[in-house]
Protein backbone atom coordinates (compact mmCIF):
# COMPACT_ATOMS: atom_id res chain seq x y z
CA MET A 1 3.67 -12.83 7.40
CA TYR A 2 5.04 -14.89 4.55
CA LEU A 3 5.65 -18.60 4.96
CA PHE A 4 9.39 -18.81 4.40
CA SER A 5 11.52 -21.94 4.30
CA SER A 6 13.11 -22.77 7.65
CA LYS A 7 16.53 -22.43 5.97
CA THR A 8 15.95 -18.70 5.54
CA TYR A 9 15.40 -17.89 9.22
CA VAL A 10 17.97 -15.74 11.01
CA ASN A 11 15.89 -14.00 13.69
CA ARG A 12 18.61 -11.60 14.76
CA LYS A 13 17.21 -8.87 16.99
CA PHE A 14 18.99 -5.53 17.02
CA LYS A 15 19.20 -2.88 19.70
CA LEU A 16 18.18 0.53 18.43
CA SER A 17 21.40 1.99 19.80
CA GLU A 18 23.36 -0.44 17.64
CA LEU A 19 21.39 0.56 14.54
CA TYR A 20 21.86 4.24 15.34
CA ARG A 21 25.64 3.68 15.19
CA VAL A 22 25.46 1.65 11.98
CA THR A 23 23.24 4.17 10.20
CA GLY A 24 24.88 7.28 11.61
CA ALA A 25 21.44 8.37 12.81
CA ASP A 26 20.95 12.06 13.52
CA LYS A 27 18.43 13.52 15.95
CA ASP A 28 15.65 13.50 13.35
CA VAL A 29 16.11 9.80 12.60
CA LYS A 30 16.17 8.99 16.32
CA ALA A 31 13.02 11.01 16.94
CA ASP A 32 11.36 9.26 14.00
CA ALA A 33 12.07 5.89 15.64
CA LYS A 34 10.16 6.74 18.82
CA ASN A 35 7.38 4.22 18.13
CA ILE A 36 9.70 1.32 17.25
CA LEU A 37 9.51 -1.51 19.78
CA SER A 38 11.89 -3.91 18.05
CA VAL A 39 13.87 -4.49 14.84
CA THR A 40 14.60 -8.07 13.79
CA LEU A 41 16.34 -9.46 10.72
CA THR A 42 14.01 -12.43 10.39
CA ASN A 43 15.05 -13.96 7.06
CA VAL A 44 17.83 -13.90 4.50
CA LEU A 45 16.83 -15.12 1.07
CA ASN A 46 19.52 -16.28 -1.34
CA GLY A 47 20.20 -19.12 -3.73
CA GLU A 48 21.30 -21.47 -0.95
CA THR A 49 18.46 -20.81 1.51
CA LEU A 50 15.82 -21.02 -1.24
CA ASN A 51 17.43 -23.95 -3.09
CA LEU A 52 17.73 -21.89 -6.25
CA PRO A 53 20.52 -22.22 -8.82
CA SER A 54 23.03 -19.40 -8.92
CA ASP A 55 22.39 -16.93 -11.73
CA LYS A 56 23.70 -13.66 -13.09
CA GLY A 57 20.69 -11.60 -12.03
CA GLY A 58 20.93 -8.36 -10.10
CA THR A 59 19.55 -9.79 -6.85
CA LYS A 60 22.16 -11.47 -4.65
CA GLU A 61 20.33 -11.57 -1.30
CA ILE A 62 17.04 -10.28 0.08
CA TYR A 63 16.89 -9.22 3.71
CA ILE A 64 13.52 -9.38 5.47
CA PHE A 65 13.28 -7.03 8.45
CA GLU A 66 10.40 -7.20 10.91
CA ILE A 67 9.70 -3.87 12.61
CA GLU A 68 7.32 -3.96 15.58
CA LEU A 69 5.61 -0.63 16.24
CA SER A 70 3.63 0.80 19.13
CA ALA A 71 1.50 2.93 16.77
CA LYS A 72 0.57 2.84 13.08
CA GLU A 73 3.00 5.57 12.13
CA VAL A 74 5.60 4.46 9.61
CA PRO A 75 9.11 5.59 10.73
CA THR A 76 10.11 6.60 7.21
CA LEU A 77 13.34 8.41 8.13
CA PHE A 78 14.62 5.53 10.22
CA LEU A 79 13.72 2.92 7.59
CA ALA A 80 15.41 4.94 4.86
CA ALA A 81 18.56 5.19 6.98
CA LEU A 82 18.56 1.46 7.71
CA ASP A 83 17.87 0.69 4.06
CA LYS A 84 20.80 2.84 2.95
CA ALA A 85 23.11 1.05 5.39
CA THR A 86 22.00 -2.38 4.09
CA GLN A 87 23.86 -3.13 0.87
CA PHE A 88 21.40 -5.81 -0.19
CA HIS A 89 17.82 -5.84 -1.39
CA THR A 90 15.41 -5.33 1.49
CA VAL A 91 11.78 -5.76 2.45
CA PHE A 92 10.34 -4.23 5.64
CA TYR A 93 7.52 -6.08 7.34
CA LEU A 94 5.82 -3.73 9.82
CA ARG A 95 3.65 -4.98 12.67
CA CYS A 96 1.43 -3.07 15.08
CA GLU A 97 -0.67 -5.19 17.44
CA GLU A 98 -2.81 -7.37 15.13
CA SER A 99 -2.07 -5.45 11.92
CA GLU A 100 0.67 -5.72 9.31
CA MET A 101 2.07 -3.69 6.43
CA LEU A 102 4.74 -4.23 3.78
CA TYR A 103 7.10 -1.33 3.07
CA GLY A 104 10.06 -0.95 0.76
CA ALA A 105 11.75 0.62 -2.25
CA TYR A 106 13.12 -0.77 -5.47
CA LYS A 107 16.89 -1.15 -5.08
CA GLU A 108 19.51 -1.99 -7.68
CA TYR A 109 23.28 -2.12 -7.85
CA GLY A 110 24.93 0.85 -9.54
CA GLU A 111 28.50 1.95 -10.18
CA LYS A 112 28.64 3.60 -6.74
CA GLY A 113 26.86 0.88 -4.81
CA MET A 114 23.19 0.25 -4.11
CA LYS A 115 20.74 2.76 -5.57
CA ILE A 116 17.42 3.23 -3.79
CA GLY A 117 14.28 4.33 -5.62
CA LYS A 118 10.88 5.50 -4.41
CA TYR A 119 9.26 3.89 -1.40
CA TYR A 120 5.98 2.02 -1.67
CA LYS A 121 3.72 0.47 0.93
CA THR A 122 0.64 -1.66 1.31
CA GLU A 123 -2.36 -0.73 3.43
CA TRP A 124 -2.53 -1.93 7.02
CA SER A 125 -4.35 -5.26 7.17
CA GLU A 126 -4.97 -8.14 9.55
CA ILE A 127 -1.99 -10.41 10.09
CA ARG A 128 -2.21 -13.51 7.93
CA GLU A 129 0.06 -16.27 6.71
CA THR A 130 0.85 -15.87 3.02
CA PRO A 131 2.55 -18.59 0.95
CA LEU A 132 5.38 -17.60 -1.37
CA PRO A 133 5.03 -18.29 -5.10
CA PRO A 134 7.22 -20.83 -6.90
CA VAL A 135 10.15 -18.96 -8.45
CA THR A 136 13.21 -19.94 -10.48
CA SER A 137 15.49 -17.06 -9.45
CA LEU A 138 16.06 -14.44 -6.77
CA ASP A 139 15.18 -11.77 -9.32
CA GLU A 140 11.72 -13.35 -9.63
CA MET A 141 11.39 -13.44 -5.85
CA TYR A 142 12.32 -9.76 -5.58
CA THR A 143 9.81 -8.89 -8.31
CA PHE A 144 7.17 -10.72 -6.29
CA PHE A 145 7.78 -8.47 -3.26
CA ILE A 146 7.76 -5.30 -5.36
CA ASP A 147 4.53 -6.57 -6.95
CA GLU A 148 3.06 -6.87 -3.46
CA LEU A 149 3.97 -3.24 -2.76
CA ILE A 150 2.68 -1.78 -6.04
CA PRO A 151 -1.08 -1.75 -6.83
CA ILE A 152 -0.68 -3.10 -10.38
CA SER A 153 0.57 -6.53 -11.38
CA ALA A 154 3.91 -7.35 -12.93
CA ARG A 155 3.69 -8.88 -16.38
CA LYS A 156 5.07 -12.33 -17.08
CA GLY A 157 8.80 -12.10 -17.69
CA GLU A 158 8.90 -8.39 -16.84
CA SER A 159 12.02 -7.29 -14.99
CA THR A 160 11.64 -5.56 -11.66
CA ARG A 161 13.09 -2.34 -13.04
CA ALA A 162 10.73 -2.37 -16.05
CA PHE A 163 7.80 -3.06 -13.72
CA VAL A 164 8.64 -0.13 -11.43
CA GLU A 165 9.21 2.19 -14.40
CA ARG A 166 5.84 1.16 -15.86
CA TYR A 167 4.11 1.87 -12.56
CA ASP A 168 5.74 5.31 -12.31
CA ALA A 169 4.58 6.01 -15.86
CA VAL A 170 1.05 4.94 -14.86
CA MET A 171 1.04 7.35 -11.93
CA LYS A 172 2.35 10.19 -14.13
CA LEU A 173 -0.37 9.52 -16.72
CA LYS A 174 -3.07 9.50 -14.05
CA LYS A 175 -1.99 12.96 -12.92
CA GLU A 176 -2.03 14.21 -16.51
CA ILE A 177 -5.49 12.73 -17.03
CA GLU A 178 -6.79 14.37 -13.87
CA LYS A 179 -5.41 17.74 -15.00
CA LEU A 180 -6.90 17.37 -18.49
CA GLN A 181 -10.27 16.35 -17.06
CA LYS A 182 -10.37 19.56 -15.04
CA LEU A 183 -9.57 21.57 -18.17
CA VAL A 184 -12.37 19.83 -20.05
CA ASP A 185 -14.85 20.52 -17.26
CA LYS A 186 -13.94 24.21 -17.04
CA GLU A 187 -13.55 25.01 -20.76
CA ILE A 188 -16.52 26.79 -22.37
CA GLN A 189 -15.12 27.25 -25.87
CA PRO A 190 -16.21 24.25 -28.02
CA ARG A 191 -12.98 24.12 -30.03
CA ARG A 192 -10.70 24.11 -27.00
CA ARG A 193 -12.96 21.66 -25.22
CA PHE A 194 -12.74 19.32 -28.21
CA GLU A 195 -8.93 19.56 -28.21
CA TYR A 196 -8.73 18.77 -24.51
CA ASN A 197 -11.14 15.87 -24.94
CA ASP A 198 -9.04 14.49 -27.76
CA GLN A 199 -5.91 14.66 -25.60
CA LEU A 200 -7.81 13.06 -22.73
CA LYS A 201 -8.90 10.11 -24.87
CA GLN A 202 -5.31 9.56 -26.03
CA LYS A 203 -3.97 9.63 -22.47
CA LYS A 204 -6.64 7.19 -21.29
CA LYS A 205 -5.72 4.84 -24.14
CA GLU A 206 -2.04 5.02 -23.14
CA LEU A 207 -3.00 4.32 -19.52
CA GLU A 208 -5.07 1.30 -20.48
CA GLU A 209 -2.12 -0.11 -22.42
CA LEU A 210 0.27 0.46 -19.51
CA GLU A 211 -2.02 -1.05 -16.87
């Protein structure tokens, strides 16, 4: 778990029945939550609790939820429902016995409220205490958490949105490279093989620049 400032601690434990009402959970969401032992809002990060100056960034508050599980099965439907009902940026810290995982999606404010992007997750690992980096804004703090979830590093000064878009572009390129490599391996005509190889080199160059 991360070593948060004592000012950020809330430690409000919710009953699942309460969250079912808040999220309007249907039978599928409730069934998906079968391995949830507890849900706790452990920390609220904002300018006051982190001693950061107020700014005009897109991140107003970050909610840290700790979800204790009885098995290493991520309750994706339940978490998505809870995330949708939480109109702030969120990070889900999952625990199962002596293992932990970080789970979450990039969220941003839109004209019709909070927009939720794709979900990312870390691998399960042993529970450890992790210090937070020095940051000058909540936007930087939110980028740090997204950076933890995504297996490439954010560039200095890169916005969270730009970082997520770059990662999605990386994943798209990797799929294209894999497809081209298969075409190269199967092609027997020298001319076509050369063309595929040329495209493959260009895609690999683009990937190297993005990563």
